[in-house]
PDB file of N, CA and C in Angstrom:
ATOM      1  N   UNK A   1      15.317 -38.368   0.323  1.00  0.00           N
ATOM      2  CA  UNK A   1      13.826 -38.143   0.634  1.00  0.00           C
ATOM      3  C   UNK A   1      13.118 -38.043  -0.406  1.00  0.00           C
ATOM      4  N   UNK A   2      12.394 -38.972  -1.119  1.00  0.00           N
ATOM      5  CA  UNK A   2      11.931 -38.702  -2.180  1.00  0.00           C
ATOM      6  C   UNK A   2      10.305 -38.259  -1.609  1.00  0.00           C
ATOM      7  N   UNK A   3       9.445 -37.514  -2.242  1.00  0.00           N
ATOM      8  CA  UNK A   3       8.209 -36.603  -2.602  1.00  0.00           C
ATOM      9  C   UNK A   3       7.474 -36.726  -3.624  1.00  0.00           C
ATOM     10  N   UNK A   4       6.283 -36.674  -3.555  1.00  0.00           N
ATOM     11  CA  UNK A   4       5.608 -36.557  -5.023  1.00  0.00           C
ATOM     12  C   UNK A   4       4.864 -35.316  -4.823  1.00  0.00           C
ATOM     13  N   UNK A   5       5.411 -34.269  -4.088  1.00  0.00           N
ATOM     14  CA  UNK A   5       4.998 -33.008  -4.264  1.00  0.00           C
ATOM     15  C   UNK A   5       5.339 -32.041  -5.439  1.00  0.00           C
ATOM     16  N   UNK A   6       4.691 -31.864  -6.343  1.00  0.00           N
ATOM     17  CA  UNK A   6       5.326 -30.696  -7.598  1.00  0.00           C
ATOM     18  C   UNK A   6       6.731 -29.888  -7.159  1.00  0.00           C
ATOM     19  N   UNK A   7       7.481 -30.158  -8.514  1.00  0.00           N
ATOM     20  CA  UNK A   7       8.711 -29.217  -7.697  1.00  0.00           C
ATOM     21  C   UNK A   7       8.506 -27.864  -8.784  1.00  0.00           C
ATOM     22  N   UNK A   8       9.335 -27.156  -8.864  1.00  0.00           N
ATOM     23  CA  UNK A   8       9.876 -26.130  -9.684  1.00  0.00           C
ATOM     24  C   UNK A   8      10.959 -25.067  -8.908  1.00  0.00           C
ATOM     25  N   UNK A   9      11.490 -24.934  -9.991  1.00  0.00           N
ATOM     26  CA  UNK A   9      12.622 -23.495  -9.120  1.00  0.00           C
ATOM     27  C   UNK A   9      12.608 -22.209  -9.595  1.00  0.00           C
ATOM     28  N   UNK A  10      12.805 -20.940  -8.079  1.00  0.00           N
ATOM     29  CA  UNK A  10      12.532 -20.038  -8.176  1.00  0.00           C
ATOM     30  C   UNK A  10      14.046 -19.267  -8.169  1.00  0.00           C
ATOM     31  N   UNK A  11      14.255 -18.523  -9.060  1.00  0.00           N
ATOM     32  CA  UNK A  11      15.300 -17.401  -9.083  1.00  0.00           C
ATOM     33  C   UNK A  11      15.410 -16.512  -8.411  1.00  0.00           C
ATOM     34  N   UNK A  12      16.021 -15.850  -7.401  1.00  0.00           N
ATOM     35  CA  UNK A  12      15.772 -14.657  -6.879  1.00  0.00           C
ATOM     36  C   UNK A  12      17.256 -13.630  -6.877  1.00  0.00           C
ATOM     37  N   UNK A  13      17.142 -12.694  -6.243  1.00  0.00           N
ATOM     38  CA  UNK A  13      18.628 -11.718  -6.212  1.00  0.00           C
ATOM     39  C   UNK A  13      18.691 -11.598  -4.555  1.00  0.00           C
ATOM     40  N   UNK A  14      20.126 -11.268  -4.871  1.00  0.00           N
ATOM     41  CA  UNK A  14      20.864 -11.559  -3.398  1.00  0.00           C
ATOM     42  C   UNK A  14      19.848 -11.710  -2.386  1.00  0.00           C
ATOM     43  N   UNK A  15      19.365 -10.185  -2.119  1.00  0.00           N
ATOM     44  CA  UNK A  15      18.761  -9.599  -1.197  1.00  0.00           C
ATOM     45  C   UNK A  15      17.855 -10.000  -1.094  1.00  0.00           C
ATOM     46  N   UNK A  16      16.985 -10.863  -1.659  1.00  0.00           N
ATOM     47  CA  UNK A  16      15.877 -11.410  -1.701  1.00  0.00           C
ATOM     48  C   UNK A  16      15.715 -12.684  -0.875  1.00  0.00           C
ATOM     49  N   UNK A  17      17.138 -13.772  -1.078  1.00  0.00           N
ATOM     50  CA  UNK A  17      17.743 -14.894  -0.855  1.00  0.00           C
ATOM     51  C   UNK A  17      18.556 -14.831   0.968  1.00  0.00           C
ATOM     52  N   UNK A  18      18.776 -13.326   0.866  1.00  0.00           N
ATOM     53  CA  UNK A  18      19.032 -13.242   2.218  1.00  0.00           C
ATOM     54  C   UNK A  18      18.079 -13.090   3.401  1.00  0.00           C
ATOM     55  N   UNK A  19      17.128 -12.502   2.465  1.00  0.00           N
ATOM     56  CA  UNK A  19      15.433 -12.280   3.378  1.00  0.00           C
ATOM     57  C   UNK A  19      14.481 -13.538   4.045  1.00  0.00           C
ATOM     58  N   UNK A  20      14.931 -14.174   2.541  1.00  0.00           N
ATOM     59  CA  UNK A  20      13.898 -15.956   3.177  1.00  0.00           C
ATOM     60  C   UNK A  20      15.636 -16.694   4.349  1.00  0.00           C
ATOM     61  N   UNK A  21      16.259 -16.593   4.288  1.00  0.00           N
ATOM     62  CA  UNK A  21      17.749 -17.109   4.796  1.00  0.00           C
ATOM     63  C   UNK A  21      16.930 -16.820   6.797  1.00  0.00           C
ATOM     64  N   UNK A  22      16.824 -15.496   6.221  1.00  0.00           N
ATOM     65  CA  UNK A  22      16.895 -14.974   7.358  1.00  0.00           C
ATOM     66  C   UNK A  22      15.533 -15.235   8.236  1.00  0.00           C
ATOM     67  N   UNK A  23      14.305 -15.195   7.297  1.00  0.00           N
ATOM     68  CA  UNK A  23      13.031 -15.638   7.911  1.00  0.00           C
ATOM     69  C   UNK A  23      13.523 -17.137   8.085  1.00  0.00           C
ATOM     70  N   UNK A  24      13.955 -18.028   7.140  1.00  0.00           N
ATOM     71  CA  UNK A  24      14.164 -19.740   7.810  1.00  0.00           C
ATOM     72  C   UNK A  24      14.598 -19.831   8.704  1.00  0.00           C
ATOM     73  N   UNK A  25      15.476 -19.420   9.424  1.00  0.00           N
ATOM     74  CA  UNK A  25      16.602 -19.183  10.881  1.00  0.00           C
ATOM     75  C   UNK A  25      15.844 -18.391  11.937  1.00  0.00           C
ATOM     76  N   UNK A  26      15.200 -17.803  11.642  1.00  0.00           N
ATOM     77  CA  UNK A  26      14.421 -16.986  12.586  1.00  0.00           C
ATOM     78  C   UNK A  26      13.146 -18.093  12.860  1.00  0.00           C
ATOM     79  N   UNK A  27      12.452 -18.718  11.691  1.00  0.00           N
ATOM     80  CA  UNK A  27      11.372 -19.527  12.159  1.00  0.00           C
ATOM     81  C   UNK A  27      12.110 -20.791  12.482  1.00  0.00           C
ATOM     82  N   UNK A  28      13.377 -20.616  12.714  1.00  0.00           N
ATOM     83  CA  UNK A  28      13.786 -22.908  12.671  1.00  0.00           C
ATOM     84  C   UNK A  28      13.129 -23.513  11.670  1.00  0.00           C
ATOM     85  N   UNK A  29      13.243 -23.319  10.364  1.00  0.00           N
ATOM     86  CA  UNK A  29      12.725 -23.969   9.192  1.00  0.00           C
ATOM     87  C   UNK A  29      13.861 -24.961   9.271  1.00  0.00           C
ATOM     88  N   UNK A  30      13.995 -26.276   8.908  1.00  0.00           N
ATOM     89  CA  UNK A  30      14.859 -27.618   8.578  1.00  0.00           C
ATOM     90  C   UNK A  30      15.222 -27.175   7.134  1.00  0.00           C
ATOM     91  N   UNK A  31      14.596 -26.944   6.190  1.00  0.00           N
ATOM     92  CA  UNK A  31      15.195 -26.356   4.442  1.00  0.00           C
ATOM     93  C   UNK A  31      14.712 -25.107   4.517  1.00  0.00           C
ATOM     94  N   UNK A  32      15.051 -24.682   3.603  1.00  0.00           N
ATOM     95  CA  UNK A  32      14.926 -23.548   2.987  1.00  0.00           C
ATOM     96  C   UNK A  32      13.312 -23.472   2.010  1.00  0.00           C
ATOM     97  N   UNK A  33      13.453 -25.217   1.580  1.00  0.00           N
ATOM     98  CA  UNK A  33      12.066 -25.275   0.792  1.00  0.00           C
ATOM     99  C   UNK A  33      10.909 -25.021   1.293  1.00  0.00           C
ATOM    100  N   UNK A  34      11.151 -25.494   2.218  1.00  0.00           N
ATOM    101  CA  UNK A  34      10.134 -25.326   3.822  1.00  0.00           C
ATOM    102  C   UNK A  34       9.724 -24.287   4.131  1.00  0.00           C
ATOM    103  N   UNK A  35      10.779 -23.101   4.034  1.00  0.00           N
ATOM    104  CA  UNK A  35      10.553 -21.559   4.491  1.00  0.00           C
ATOM    105  C   UNK A  35       9.804 -20.969   3.067  1.00  0.00           C
ATOM    106  N   UNK A  36      10.225 -21.477   2.102  1.00  0.00           N
ATOM    107  CA  UNK A  36       9.617 -20.352   0.810  1.00  0.00           C
ATOM    108  C   UNK A  36       8.358 -21.102   1.073  1.00  0.00           C
ATOM    109  N   UNK A  37       8.175 -22.147   1.081  1.00  0.00           N
ATOM    110  CA  UNK A  37       7.018 -22.893   0.840  1.00  0.00           C
ATOM    111  C   UNK A  37       5.644 -21.406   2.038  1.00  0.00           C
ATOM    112  N   UNK A  38       6.367 -21.090   3.204  1.00  0.00           N
ATOM    113  CA  UNK A  38       5.591 -20.863   4.337  1.00  0.00           C
ATOM    114  C   UNK A  38       5.482 -19.499   3.944  1.00  0.00           C
ATOM    115  N   UNK A  39       6.801 -18.825   2.918  1.00  0.00           N
ATOM    116  CA  UNK A  39       6.409 -17.401   2.786  1.00  0.00           C
ATOM    117  C   UNK A  39       5.280 -17.574   1.368  1.00  0.00           C
ATOM    118  N   UNK A  40       4.756 -18.442   0.774  1.00  0.00           N
ATOM    119  CA  UNK A  40       3.974 -18.335  -0.050  1.00  0.00           C
ATOM    120  C   UNK A  40       2.902 -18.231   0.605  1.00  0.00           C
ATOM    121  N   UNK A  41       2.886 -19.228   1.061  1.00  0.00           N
ATOM    122  CA  UNK A  41       1.903 -19.739   1.682  1.00  0.00           C
ATOM    123  C   UNK A  41       0.992 -18.201   2.201  1.00  0.00           C
ATOM    124  N   UNK A  42       1.899 -17.774   3.397  1.00  0.00           N
ATOM    125  CA  UNK A  42       1.742 -16.054   4.090  1.00  0.00           C
ATOM    126  C   UNK A  42       1.109 -15.361   2.980  1.00  0.00           C
ATOM    127  N   UNK A  43       1.820 -15.488   1.916  1.00  0.00           N
ATOM    128  CA  UNK A  43       1.291 -14.373   1.004  1.00  0.00           C
ATOM    129  C   UNK A  43       0.166 -14.409   0.266  1.00  0.00           C
ATOM    130  N   UNK A  44      -0.436 -15.752  -0.074  1.00  0.00           N
ATOM    131  CA  UNK A  44      -1.522 -15.877  -0.798  1.00  0.00           C
ATOM    132  C   UNK A  44      -2.766 -15.696   0.445  1.00  0.00           C
ATOM    133  N   UNK A  45      -2.316 -16.196   1.817  1.00  0.00           N
ATOM    134  CA  UNK A  45      -3.915 -15.515   2.566  1.00  0.00           C
ATOM    135  C   UNK A  45      -3.598 -14.127   2.987  1.00  0.00           C
ATOM    136  N   UNK A  46      -2.385 -13.102   2.979  1.00  0.00           N
ATOM    137  CA  UNK A  46      -2.365 -11.791   2.615  1.00  0.00           C
ATOM    138  C   UNK A  46      -3.240 -11.460   1.509  1.00  0.00           C
ATOM    139  N   UNK A  47      -3.062 -12.192   0.224  1.00  0.00           N
ATOM    140  CA  UNK A  47      -3.899 -11.551  -0.735  1.00  0.00           C
ATOM    141  C   UNK A  47      -5.249 -12.057  -0.965  1.00  0.00           C
ATOM    142  N   UNK A  48      -5.854 -13.260  -0.622  1.00  0.00           N
ATOM    143  CA  UNK A  48      -7.253 -13.350  -0.069  1.00  0.00           C
ATOM    144  C   UNK A  48      -8.080 -12.484   0.639  1.00  0.00           C
ATOM    145  N   UNK A  49      -7.328 -12.209   1.821  1.00  0.00           N
ATOM    146  CA  UNK A  49      -7.375 -11.133   2.410  1.00  0.00           C
ATOM    147  C   UNK A  49      -7.645  -9.963   2.226  1.00  0.00           C
ATOM    148  N   UNK A  50      -7.341  -9.543   1.592  1.00  0.00           N
ATOM    149  CA  UNK A  50      -7.007  -7.900   0.482  1.00  0.00           C
ATOM    150  C   UNK A  50      -8.500  -7.903  -0.180  1.00  0.00           C
ATOM    151  N   UNK A  51      -8.479  -9.296  -0.617  1.00  0.00           N
ATOM    152  CA  UNK A  51      -9.602  -9.121  -1.948  1.00  0.00           C
ATOM    153  C   UNK A  51     -10.652  -9.672  -1.437  1.00  0.00           C
ATOM    154  N   UNK A  52     -10.910 -10.244  -0.222  1.00  0.00           N
ATOM    155  CA  UNK A  52     -12.050 -10.191   0.583  1.00  0.00           C
ATOM    156  C   UNK A  52     -12.722  -8.902   0.968  1.00  0.00           C
ATOM    157  N   UNK A  53     -11.697  -7.993   1.565  1.00  0.00           N
ATOM    158  CA  UNK A  53     -11.969  -6.491   2.060  1.00  0.00           C
ATOM    159  C   UNK A  53     -12.505  -5.702   0.795  1.00  0.00           C
ATOM    160  N   UNK A  54     -11.794  -6.153   0.147  1.00  0.00           N
ATOM    161  CA  UNK A  54     -11.925  -5.013  -1.638  1.00  0.00           C
ATOM    162  C   UNK A  54     -13.541  -5.093  -1.547  1.00  0.00           C
ATOM    163  N   UNK A  55     -14.070  -6.586  -1.786  1.00  0.00           N
ATOM    164  CA  UNK A  55     -15.292  -6.859  -2.083  1.00  0.00           C
ATOM    165  C   UNK A  55     -16.337  -6.160  -1.144  1.00  0.00           C
ATOM    166  N   UNK A  56     -15.569  -6.205  -0.093  1.00  0.00           N
ATOM    167  CA  UNK A  56     -16.562  -5.985   0.893  1.00  0.00           C
ATOM    168  C   UNK A  56     -16.887  -4.596   0.804  1.00  0.00           C
ATOM    169  N   UNK A  57     -15.765  -3.931   0.969  1.00  0.00           N
ATOM    170  CA  UNK A  57     -15.421  -2.356   0.348  1.00  0.00           C
ATOM    171  C   UNK A  57     -16.675  -1.504  -0.650  1.00  0.00           C
ATOM    172  N   UNK A  58     -16.314  -2.572  -1.607  1.00  0.00           N
ATOM    173  CA  UNK A  58     -17.516  -2.648  -2.838  1.00  0.00           C
ATOM    174  C   UNK A  58     -18.800  -2.362  -2.580  1.00  0.00           C
ATOM    175  N   UNK A  59     -19.093  -3.493  -1.627  1.00  0.00           N
ATOM    176  CA  UNK A  59     -20.837  -4.054  -1.437  1.00  0.00           C
ATOM    177  C   UNK A  59     -20.987  -2.958  -0.563  1.00  0.00           C
ATOM    178  N   UNK A  60     -20.230  -2.160   0.084  1.00  0.00           N
ATOM    179  CA  UNK A  60     -20.748  -1.252   1.194  1.00  0.00           C
ATOM    180  C   UNK A  60     -20.720  -0.049   0.296  1.00  0.00           C
ATOM    181  N   UNK A  61     -19.723   0.019  -0.250  1.00  0.00           N
ATOM    182  CA  UNK A  61     -20.065   1.305  -1.233  1.00  0.00           C
ATOM    183  C   UNK A  61     -20.871   1.386  -2.319  1.00  0.00           C
ATOM    184  N   UNK A  62     -21.552   0.005  -2.667  1.00  0.00           N
ATOM    185  CA  UNK A  62     -22.717   0.093  -3.344  1.00  0.00           C
ATOM    186  C   UNK A  62     -23.922   0.068  -2.346  1.00  0.00           C
ATOM    187  N   UNK A  63     -23.799  -0.484  -1.357  1.00  0.00           N
ATOM    188  CA  UNK A  63     -25.593  -0.797  -0.716  1.00  0.00           C
ATOM    189  C   UNK A  63     -25.570   1.036  -0.473  1.00  0.00           C
ATOM    190  N   UNK A  64     -24.206   1.999   0.061  1.00  0.00           N
ATOM    191  CA  UNK A  64     -24.462   3.097   0.429  1.00  0.00           C
ATOM    192  C   UNK A  64     -25.162   4.175  -0.763  1.00  0.00           C
ATOM    193  N   UNK A  65     -24.808   3.641  -2.056  1.00  0.00           N
ATOM    194  CA  UNK A  65     -25.310   4.335  -3.075  1.00  0.00           C
ATOM    195  C   UNK A  65     -26.822   4.022  -3.376  1.00  0.00           C
ATOM    196  N   UNK A  66     -27.110   2.972  -2.964  1.00  0.00           N
ATOM    197  CA  UNK A  66     -28.266   2.518  -3.207  1.00  0.00           C
ATOM    198  C   UNK A  66     -29.487   3.547  -2.111  1.00  0.00           C
ATOM    199  N   UNK A  67     -29.422   3.779  -0.986  1.00  0.00           N
ATOM    200  CA  UNK A  67     -30.092   4.418   0.152  1.00  0.00           C
ATOM    201  C   UNK A  67     -29.877   5.796  -0.194  1.00  0.00           C
TER     202      UNK A  67
END
């Protein structure tokens, strides 16, 4: 199955590999690649949410200092 998606290789330790495989089978992903992409997506979403919360906290701190 050919794809136009960019590809790269990731090396992980045995424990992380097991966690990825467990996630894959629990969520019934067809391939390890699909599971890994989903984990990356979830991590990026969590990071974005964390950054937004930090900006909101900084904005609140700034407005409290101005009061």
